[in-house]
Amino acid sequence: MKDDKEVSKHPAYGTITVVRCQSTGTRLFDSDALHHHFIEVRVQHAEVLRDLSHNWIHGESRPVVEFWMTEAQWAQFVSSHGMGEGTPVTLRHVNGEGTLPDLPEPEHTATKFEKEVGDAIKESMADLTTILGRLNESLLPGAKVPGKTEMKELVSKLSVAIGHVQSGLPYIEKCFNEHMEETMRKAVIEFKGIVDRHLHEKGLEALKSQMPQLGLPEAGE
């Protein structure tokens, strides 16, 4: 039979692969945790080999783009198409840029919220100190009593300071609680993904061990 292999190429031909990976601990974008299990997605240019009356599609070894996702990000990606601003991913390789550097250690979320609370209190205390100082000055013998315009300014500063305490701090607390709930939700998805994969692997092992008893050849035979 004559060799009638044909190779077809086009810039728009491509393949995509999804692999579940394990590591000793990997940092991923938009996640505070170190991940020992994550999803790797690779997009490659491809070619079509026509041989033996079949089309055989092969992806190139060098990816156009490669990125990693947490289990929670993968679940969000496959279930929320067309919604929101997109799912966060950790870019690892981009054609033309090469392999990208690892992510730095993130600032812990609790530290961020603590700083925001401290900044809000500091700003409020600065305004309150200014108001108190001016009022104390006005009580000194012979001091000029604040006029209507200055009193309006003092009242405005007082309102802002009270607003930071009454609204700003509860808002930061609310955001912190929402973040912790979202973190727990993601953790549950991560844990479920690991358990499901473990059960799947155990199921395959059990099925493989039963093949001889069922009169079926083992894989590879």
Foldseek 3Di string as FASTA:
>chain_A
DDWPKDKAFDQPAKDKDKDKAADPFADWPPDQGTDRIWIKMFMFGWMWICGPNDTDIDGDPDGQWMWIGALLLVVCQVPPPPDDDHGGIGTQQHVPPGGDDGDDNDDDPVVVLVVQLVVLLVLLVVLVVVLVVVVVQCPDPPGDHDDPVVVVVNVVSNVSSVCSVVPVNVVSVVVVVVVVVVNVVSVVSNVVVVVVVVVVVVVVVVVQVCQVVVVHDHPPD
